[in-house]
Amino acid sequence: MAHEKKERMNLQVSPELSKLLNGIADETGSNRTEVIRQALALMKVAHDAKRRGKHIGLTSDPSKLETEIVGLL
């Protein structure tokens, strides 16, 4: 598999968002960059679902899921 070229980005966030990113990273044993990557991946899933007329939601009953998102957290 070819090595994917990466682009560096600078992102300015509020102190509150920085604290949130740090907290999620600490709780998941990850880092801020990975938290942002996963957040964008989840946004892509939501965007694609909406384009297909689907809805994103939460449920406490896994048997009601049509699609499950795995690999996050």
PDB file of N, CA and C in Angstrom:
ATOM      1  N   MET A   1       0.842  -1.165   0.000  1.00  0.00           N
ATOM      2  CA  MET A   1       0.000   0.000   0.000  1.00  0.00           C
ATOM      3  C   MET A   1       0.893   1.235   0.000  1.00  0.00           C
ATOM      4  N   ALA A   2       0.595   2.206  -0.864  1.00  0.00           N
ATOM      5  CA  ALA A   2       1.382   3.414  -0.974  1.00  0.00           C
ATOM      6  C   ALA A   2       1.222   4.265   0.282  1.00  0.00           C
ATOM      7  N   HIS A   3       2.299   4.947   0.623  1.00  0.00           N
ATOM      8  CA  HIS A   3       2.251   5.828   1.786  1.00  0.00           C
ATOM      9  C   HIS A   3       1.485   7.084   1.432  1.00  0.00           C
ATOM     10  N   GLU A   4       0.482   7.402   2.213  1.00  0.00           N
ATOM     11  CA  GLU A   4      -0.374   8.542   1.962  1.00  0.00           C
ATOM     12  C   GLU A   4       0.329   9.836   2.388  1.00  0.00           C
ATOM     13  N   LYS A   5       0.332  10.822   1.499  1.00  0.00           N
ATOM     14  CA  LYS A   5       0.920  12.115   1.824  1.00  0.00           C
ATOM     15  C   LYS A   5      -0.007  12.851   2.788  1.00  0.00           C
ATOM     16  N   LYS A   6       0.566  13.458   3.801  1.00  0.00           N
ATOM     17  CA  LYS A   6      -0.229  14.178   4.789  1.00  0.00           C
ATOM     18  C   LYS A   6       0.049  15.669   4.658  1.00  0.00           C
ATOM     19  N   GLU A   7      -0.964  16.443   4.976  1.00  0.00           N
ATOM     20  CA  GLU A   7      -0.839  17.897   4.986  1.00  0.00           C
ATOM     21  C   GLU A   7      -0.901  18.385   6.419  1.00  0.00           C
ATOM     22  N   ARG A   8      -0.043  19.314   6.737  1.00  0.00           N
ATOM     23  CA  ARG A   8      -0.052  19.910   8.066  1.00  0.00           C
ATOM     24  C   ARG A   8      -1.040  21.074   8.071  1.00  0.00           C
ATOM     25  N   MET A   9      -1.808  21.165   9.145  1.00  0.00           N
ATOM     26  CA  MET A   9      -2.765  22.257   9.306  1.00  0.00           C
ATOM     27  C   MET A   9      -2.553  22.898  10.667  1.00  0.00           C
ATOM     28  N   ASN A  10      -2.751  24.181  10.715  1.00  0.00           N
ATOM     29  CA  ASN A  10      -2.764  24.894  11.996  1.00  0.00           C
ATOM     30  C   ASN A  10      -4.209  25.215  12.313  1.00  0.00           C
ATOM     31  N   LEU A  11      -4.592  24.983  13.544  1.00  0.00           N
ATOM     32  CA  LEU A  11      -5.978  25.172  13.950  1.00  0.00           C
ATOM     33  C   LEU A  11      -6.002  25.974  15.245  1.00  0.00           C
ATOM     34  N   GLN A  12      -6.698  27.087  15.217  1.00  0.00           N
ATOM     35  CA  GLN A  12      -6.875  27.873  16.434  1.00  0.00           C
ATOM     36  C   GLN A  12      -8.228  27.527  17.037  1.00  0.00           C
ATOM     37  N   VAL A  13      -8.219  27.222  18.333  1.00  0.00           N
ATOM     38  CA  VAL A  13      -9.457  26.876  19.031  1.00  0.00           C
ATOM     39  C   VAL A  13      -9.544  27.685  20.313  1.00  0.00           C
ATOM     40  N   SER A  14     -10.745  27.780  20.828  1.00  0.00           N
ATOM     41  CA  SER A  14     -10.960  28.484  22.092  1.00  0.00           C
ATOM     42  C   SER A  14     -10.336  27.672  23.227  1.00  0.00           C
ATOM     43  N   PRO A  15     -10.067  28.326  24.357  1.00  0.00           N
ATOM     44  CA  PRO A  15      -9.558  27.587  25.528  1.00  0.00           C
ATOM     45  C   PRO A  15     -10.510  26.462  25.953  1.00  0.00           C
ATOM     46  N   GLU A  16     -11.817  26.685  25.808  1.00  0.00           N
ATOM     47  CA  GLU A  16     -12.794  25.660  26.190  1.00  0.00           C
ATOM     48  C   GLU A  16     -12.674  24.428  25.290  1.00  0.00           C
ATOM     49  N   LEU A  17     -12.541  24.656  23.976  1.00  0.00           N
ATOM     50  CA  LEU A  17     -12.400  23.533  23.055  1.00  0.00           C
ATOM     51  C   LEU A  17     -11.073  22.820  23.265  1.00  0.00           C
ATOM     52  N   SER A  18     -10.026  23.571  23.559  1.00  0.00           N
ATOM     53  CA  SER A  18      -8.729  22.963  23.843  1.00  0.00           C
ATOM     54  C   SER A  18      -8.825  22.053  25.062  1.00  0.00           C
ATOM     55  N   LYS A  19      -9.513  22.525  26.096  1.00  0.00           N
ATOM     56  CA  LYS A  19      -9.704  21.716  27.311  1.00  0.00           C
ATOM     57  C   LYS A  19     -10.514  20.455  27.000  1.00  0.00           C
ATOM     58  N   LEU A  20     -11.551  20.607  26.173  1.00  0.00           N
ATOM     59  CA  LEU A  20     -12.366  19.456  25.782  1.00  0.00           C
ATOM     60  C   LEU A  20     -11.532  18.434  25.002  1.00  0.00           C
ATOM     61  N   LEU A  21     -10.747  18.906  24.042  1.00  0.00           N
ATOM     62  CA  LEU A  21      -9.887  18.009  23.264  1.00  0.00           C
ATOM     63  C   LEU A  21      -8.906  17.273  24.174  1.00  0.00           C
ATOM     64  N   ASN A  22      -8.294  17.996  25.090  1.00  0.00           N
ATOM     65  CA  ASN A  22      -7.358  17.366  26.027  1.00  0.00           C
ATOM     66  C   ASN A  22      -8.059  16.323  26.882  1.00  0.00           C
ATOM     67  N   GLY A  23      -9.257  16.639  27.359  1.00  0.00           N
ATOM     68  CA  GLY A  23      -9.993  15.698  28.202  1.00  0.00           C
ATOM     69  C   GLY A  23     -10.353  14.419  27.467  1.00  0.00           C
ATOM     70  N   ILE A  24     -10.854  14.557  26.238  1.00  0.00           N
ATOM     71  CA  ILE A  24     -11.209  13.368  25.449  1.00  0.00           C
ATOM     72  C   ILE A  24      -9.958  12.558  25.139  1.00  0.00           C
ATOM     73  N   ALA A  25      -8.886  13.242  24.773  1.00  0.00           N
ATOM     74  CA  ALA A  25      -7.632  12.543  24.470  1.00  0.00           C
ATOM     75  C   ALA A  25      -7.139  11.771  25.687  1.00  0.00           C
ATOM     76  N   ASP A  26      -7.163  12.403  26.846  1.00  0.00           N
ATOM     77  CA  ASP A  26      -6.718  11.732  28.074  1.00  0.00           C
ATOM     78  C   ASP A  26      -7.594  10.528  28.406  1.00  0.00           C
ATOM     79  N   GLU A  27      -8.908  10.705  28.305  1.00  0.00           N
ATOM     80  CA  GLU A  27      -9.840   9.628  28.651  1.00  0.00           C
ATOM     81  C   GLU A  27      -9.752   8.445  27.698  1.00  0.00           C
ATOM     82  N   THR A  28      -9.368   8.693  26.462  1.00  0.00           N
ATOM     83  CA  THR A  28      -9.310   7.614  25.466  1.00  0.00           C
ATOM     84  C   THR A  28      -7.893   7.106  25.247  1.00  0.00           C
ATOM     85  N   GLY A  29      -6.931   7.666  25.948  1.00  0.00           N
ATOM     86  CA  GLY A  29      -5.542   7.242  25.767  1.00  0.00           C
ATOM     87  C   GLY A  29      -5.016   7.613  24.393  1.00  0.00           C
ATOM     88  N   SER A  30      -5.496   8.706  23.866  1.00  0.00           N
ATOM     89  CA  SER A  30      -5.167   9.127  22.512  1.00  0.00           C
ATOM     90  C   SER A  30      -4.440  10.470  22.576  1.00  0.00           C
ATOM     91  N   ASN A  31      -4.515  11.213  21.492  1.00  0.00           N
ATOM     92  CA  ASN A  31      -3.966  12.566  21.475  1.00  0.00           C
ATOM     93  C   ASN A  31      -4.942  13.476  20.746  1.00  0.00           C
ATOM     94  N   ARG A  32      -4.690  14.760  20.828  1.00  0.00           N
ATOM     95  CA  ARG A  32      -5.605  15.745  20.251  1.00  0.00           C
ATOM     96  C   ARG A  32      -5.779  15.551  18.752  1.00  0.00           C
ATOM     97  N   THR A  33      -4.704  15.256  18.060  1.00  0.00           N
ATOM     98  CA  THR A  33      -4.787  15.057  16.613  1.00  0.00           C
ATOM     99  C   THR A  33      -5.707  13.898  16.271  1.00  0.00           C
ATOM    100  N   GLU A  34      -5.580  12.798  16.989  1.00  0.00           N
ATOM    101  CA  GLU A  34      -6.427  11.632  16.719  1.00  0.00           C
ATOM    102  C   GLU A  34      -7.879  11.919  17.069  1.00  0.00           C
ATOM    103  N   VAL A  35      -8.124  12.678  18.130  1.00  0.00           N
ATOM    104  CA  VAL A  35      -9.496  13.055  18.491  1.00  0.00           C
ATOM    105  C   VAL A  35     -10.122  13.853  17.345  1.00  0.00           C
ATOM    106  N   ILE A  36      -9.375  14.788  16.792  1.00  0.00           N
ATOM    107  CA  ILE A  36      -9.896  15.593  15.676  1.00  0.00           C
ATOM    108  C   ILE A  36     -10.112  14.724  14.445  1.00  0.00           C
ATOM    109  N   ARG A  37      -9.205  13.803  14.160  1.00  0.00           N
ATOM    110  CA  ARG A  37      -9.381  12.888  13.008  1.00  0.00           C
ATOM    111  C   ARG A  37     -10.656  12.064  13.166  1.00  0.00           C
ATOM    112  N   GLN A  38     -10.867  11.536  14.369  1.00  0.00           N
ATOM    113  CA  GLN A  38     -12.056  10.722  14.601  1.00  0.00           C
ATOM    114  C   GLN A  38     -13.326  11.567  14.532  1.00  0.00           C
ATOM    115  N   ALA A  39     -13.256  12.788  15.028  1.00  0.00           N
ATOM    116  CA  ALA A  39     -14.417  13.680  14.952  1.00  0.00           C
ATOM    117  C   ALA A  39     -14.772  13.965  13.495  1.00  0.00           C
ATOM    118  N   LEU A  40     -13.771  14.189  12.666  1.00  0.00           N
ATOM    119  CA  LEU A  40     -14.026  14.440  11.246  1.00  0.00           C
ATOM    120  C   LEU A  40     -14.562  13.189  10.552  1.00  0.00           C
ATOM    121  N   ALA A  41     -14.057  12.022  10.937  1.00  0.00           N
ATOM    122  CA  ALA A  41     -14.575  10.775  10.366  1.00  0.00           C
ATOM    123  C   ALA A  41     -16.040  10.596  10.734  1.00  0.00           C
ATOM    124  N   LEU A  42     -16.390  10.912  11.973  1.00  0.00           N
ATOM    125  CA  LEU A  42     -17.782  10.813  12.406  1.00  0.00           C
ATOM    126  C   LEU A  42     -18.649  11.828  11.670  1.00  0.00           C
ATOM    127  N   MET A  43     -18.130  13.019  11.441  1.00  0.00           N
ATOM    128  CA  MET A  43     -18.865  14.033  10.682  1.00  0.00           C
ATOM    129  C   MET A  43     -19.101  13.561   9.256  1.00  0.00           C
ATOM    130  N   LYS A  44     -18.113  12.892   8.660  1.00  0.00           N
ATOM    131  CA  LYS A  44     -18.280  12.358   7.301  1.00  0.00           C
ATOM    132  C   LYS A  44     -19.379  11.306   7.265  1.00  0.00           C
ATOM    133  N   VAL A  45     -19.412  10.432   8.266  1.00  0.00           N
ATOM    134  CA  VAL A  45     -20.468   9.419   8.349  1.00  0.00           C
ATOM    135  C   VAL A  45     -21.833  10.094   8.439  1.00  0.00           C
ATOM    136  N   ALA A  46     -21.941  11.111   9.291  1.00  0.00           N
ATOM    137  CA  ALA A  46     -23.212  11.821   9.451  1.00  0.00           C
ATOM    138  C   ALA A  46     -23.605  12.524   8.154  1.00  0.00           C
ATOM    139  N   HIS A  47     -22.655  13.148   7.504  1.00  0.00           N
ATOM    140  CA  HIS A  47     -22.920  13.862   6.250  1.00  0.00           C
ATOM    141  C   HIS A  47     -23.380  12.890   5.161  1.00  0.00           C
ATOM    142  N   ASP A  48     -22.663  11.783   5.024  1.00  0.00           N
ATOM    143  CA  ASP A  48     -23.035  10.781   4.014  1.00  0.00           C
ATOM    144  C   ASP A  48     -24.414  10.195   4.297  1.00  0.00           C
ATOM    145  N   ALA A  49     -24.697   9.943   5.574  1.00  0.00           N
ATOM    146  CA  ALA A  49     -26.005   9.394   5.943  1.00  0.00           C
ATOM    147  C   ALA A  49     -27.114  10.380   5.596  1.00  0.00           C
ATOM    148  N   LYS A  50     -26.909  11.633   5.897  1.00  0.00           N
ATOM    149  CA  LYS A  50     -27.925  12.642   5.605  1.00  0.00           C
ATOM    150  C   LYS A  50     -28.186  12.726   4.109  1.00  0.00           C
ATOM    151  N   ARG A  51     -27.129  12.651   3.307  1.00  0.00           N
ATOM    152  CA  ARG A  51     -27.300  12.686   1.848  1.00  0.00           C
ATOM    153  C   ARG A  51     -28.113  11.500   1.347  1.00  0.00           C
ATOM    154  N   ARG A  52     -28.083  10.390   2.086  1.00  0.00           N
ATOM    155  CA  ARG A  52     -28.859   9.198   1.712  1.00  0.00           C
ATOM    156  C   ARG A  52     -30.225   9.166   2.389  1.00  0.00           C
ATOM    157  N   GLY A  53     -30.600  10.272   3.047  1.00  0.00           N
ATOM    158  CA  GLY A  53     -31.910  10.347   3.696  1.00  0.00           C
ATOM    159  C   GLY A  53     -31.973   9.628   5.028  1.00  0.00           C
ATOM    160  N   LYS A  54     -30.838   9.372   5.642  1.00  0.00           N
ATOM    161  CA  LYS A  54     -30.800   8.690   6.934  1.00  0.00           C
ATOM    162  C   LYS A  54     -30.640   9.704   8.052  1.00  0.00           C
ATOM    163  N   HIS A  55     -30.766   9.229   9.281  1.00  0.00           N
ATOM    164  CA  HIS A  55     -30.669  10.084  10.459  1.00  0.00           C
ATOM    165  C   HIS A  55     -29.635   9.501  11.410  1.00  0.00           C
ATOM    166  N   ILE A  56     -28.997  10.367  12.163  1.00  0.00           N
ATOM    167  CA  ILE A  56     -28.026   9.958  13.175  1.00  0.00           C
ATOM    168  C   ILE A  56     -28.668  10.170  14.536  1.00  0.00           C
ATOM    169  N   GLY A  57     -28.519   9.198  15.421  1.00  0.00           N
ATOM    170  CA  GLY A  57     -29.083   9.320  16.757  1.00  0.00           C
ATOM    171  C   GLY A  57     -28.375   8.384  17.714  1.00  0.00           C
ATOM    172  N   LEU A  58     -28.837   8.371  18.937  1.00  0.00           N
ATOM    173  CA  LEU A  58     -28.279   7.506  19.968  1.00  0.00           C
ATOM    174  C   LEU A  58     -29.388   6.634  20.528  1.00  0.00           C
ATOM    175  N   THR A  59     -29.029   5.421  20.912  1.00  0.00           N
ATOM    176  CA  THR A  59     -30.002   4.525  21.525  1.00  0.00           C
ATOM    177  C   THR A  59     -29.311   3.677  22.583  1.00  0.00           C
ATOM    178  N   SER A  60     -30.048   3.316  23.582  1.00  0.00           N
ATOM    179  CA  SER A  60     -29.497   2.412  24.597  1.00  0.00           C
ATOM    180  C   SER A  60     -29.775   0.954  24.228  1.00  0.00           C
ATOM    181  N   ASP A  61     -30.505   0.731  23.130  1.00  0.00           N
ATOM    182  CA  ASP A  61     -30.859  -0.617  22.690  1.00  0.00           C
ATOM    183  C   ASP A  61     -30.150  -0.940  21.374  1.00  0.00           C
ATOM    184  N   PRO A  62     -29.010  -1.647  21.432  1.00  0.00           N
ATOM    185  CA  PRO A  62     -28.256  -1.944  20.217  1.00  0.00           C
ATOM    186  C   PRO A  62     -29.047  -2.717  19.159  1.00  0.00           C
ATOM    187  N   SER A  63     -30.103  -3.417  19.568  1.00  0.00           N
ATOM    188  CA  SER A  63     -30.886  -4.172  18.580  1.00  0.00           C
ATOM    189  C   SER A  63     -31.656  -3.249  17.646  1.00  0.00           C
ATOM    190  N   LYS A  64     -31.758  -1.975  17.984  1.00  0.00           N
ATOM    191  CA  LYS A  64     -32.471  -1.027  17.138  1.00  0.00           C
ATOM    192  C   LYS A  64     -31.571  -0.338  16.118  1.00  0.00           C
ATOM    193  N   LEU A  65     -30.297  -0.691  16.114  1.00  0.00           N
ATOM    194  CA  LEU A  65     -29.361  -0.062  15.188  1.00  0.00           C
ATOM    195  C   LEU A  65     -29.465  -0.662  13.795  1.00  0.00           C
ATOM    196  N   GLU A  66     -29.473   0.186  12.801  1.00  0.00           N
ATOM    197  CA  GLU A  66     -29.364  -0.261  11.415  1.00  0.00           C
ATOM    198  C   GLU A  66     -27.891  -0.320  11.025  1.00  0.00           C
ATOM    199  N   THR A  67     -27.132   0.652  11.499  1.00  0.00           N
ATOM    200  CA  THR A  67     -25.691   0.739  11.243  1.00  0.00           C
ATOM    201  C   THR A  67     -24.998   1.093  12.542  1.00  0.00           C
ATOM    202  N   GLU A  68     -23.900   0.427  12.836  1.00  0.00           N
ATOM    203  CA  GLU A  68     -23.131   0.733  14.030  1.00  0.00           C
ATOM    204  C   GLU A  68     -21.781   1.295  13.607  1.00  0.00           C
ATOM    205  N   ILE A  69     -21.381   2.350  14.273  1.00  0.00           N
ATOM    206  CA  ILE A  69     -20.077   2.963  14.012  1.00  0.00           C
ATOM    207  C   ILE A  69     -19.092   2.361  14.994  1.00  0.00           C
ATOM    208  N   VAL A  70     -18.073   1.714  14.484  1.00  0.00           N
ATOM    209  CA  VAL A  70     -17.077   1.082  15.355  1.00  0.00           C
ATOM    210  C   VAL A  70     -15.733   1.760  15.141  1.00  0.00           C
ATOM    211  N   GLY A  71     -14.841   1.576  16.082  1.00  0.00           N
ATOM    212  CA  GLY A  71     -13.510   2.119  15.958  1.00  0.00           C
ATOM    213  C   GLY A  71     -13.345   3.493  16.582  1.00  0.00           C
ATOM    214  N   LEU A  72     -14.398   4.022  17.165  1.00  0.00           N
ATOM    215  CA  LEU A  72     -14.290   5.289  17.878  1.00  0.00           C
ATOM    216  C   LEU A  72     -14.241   4.993  19.366  1.00  0.00           C
ATOM    217  N   LEU A  73     -13.500   5.790  20.050  1.00  0.00           N
ATOM    218  CA  LEU A  73     -13.362   5.666  21.506  1.00  0.00           C
ATOM    219  C   LEU A  73     -13.005   4.271  21.843  1.00  0.00           C
TER     220      LEU A  73
END
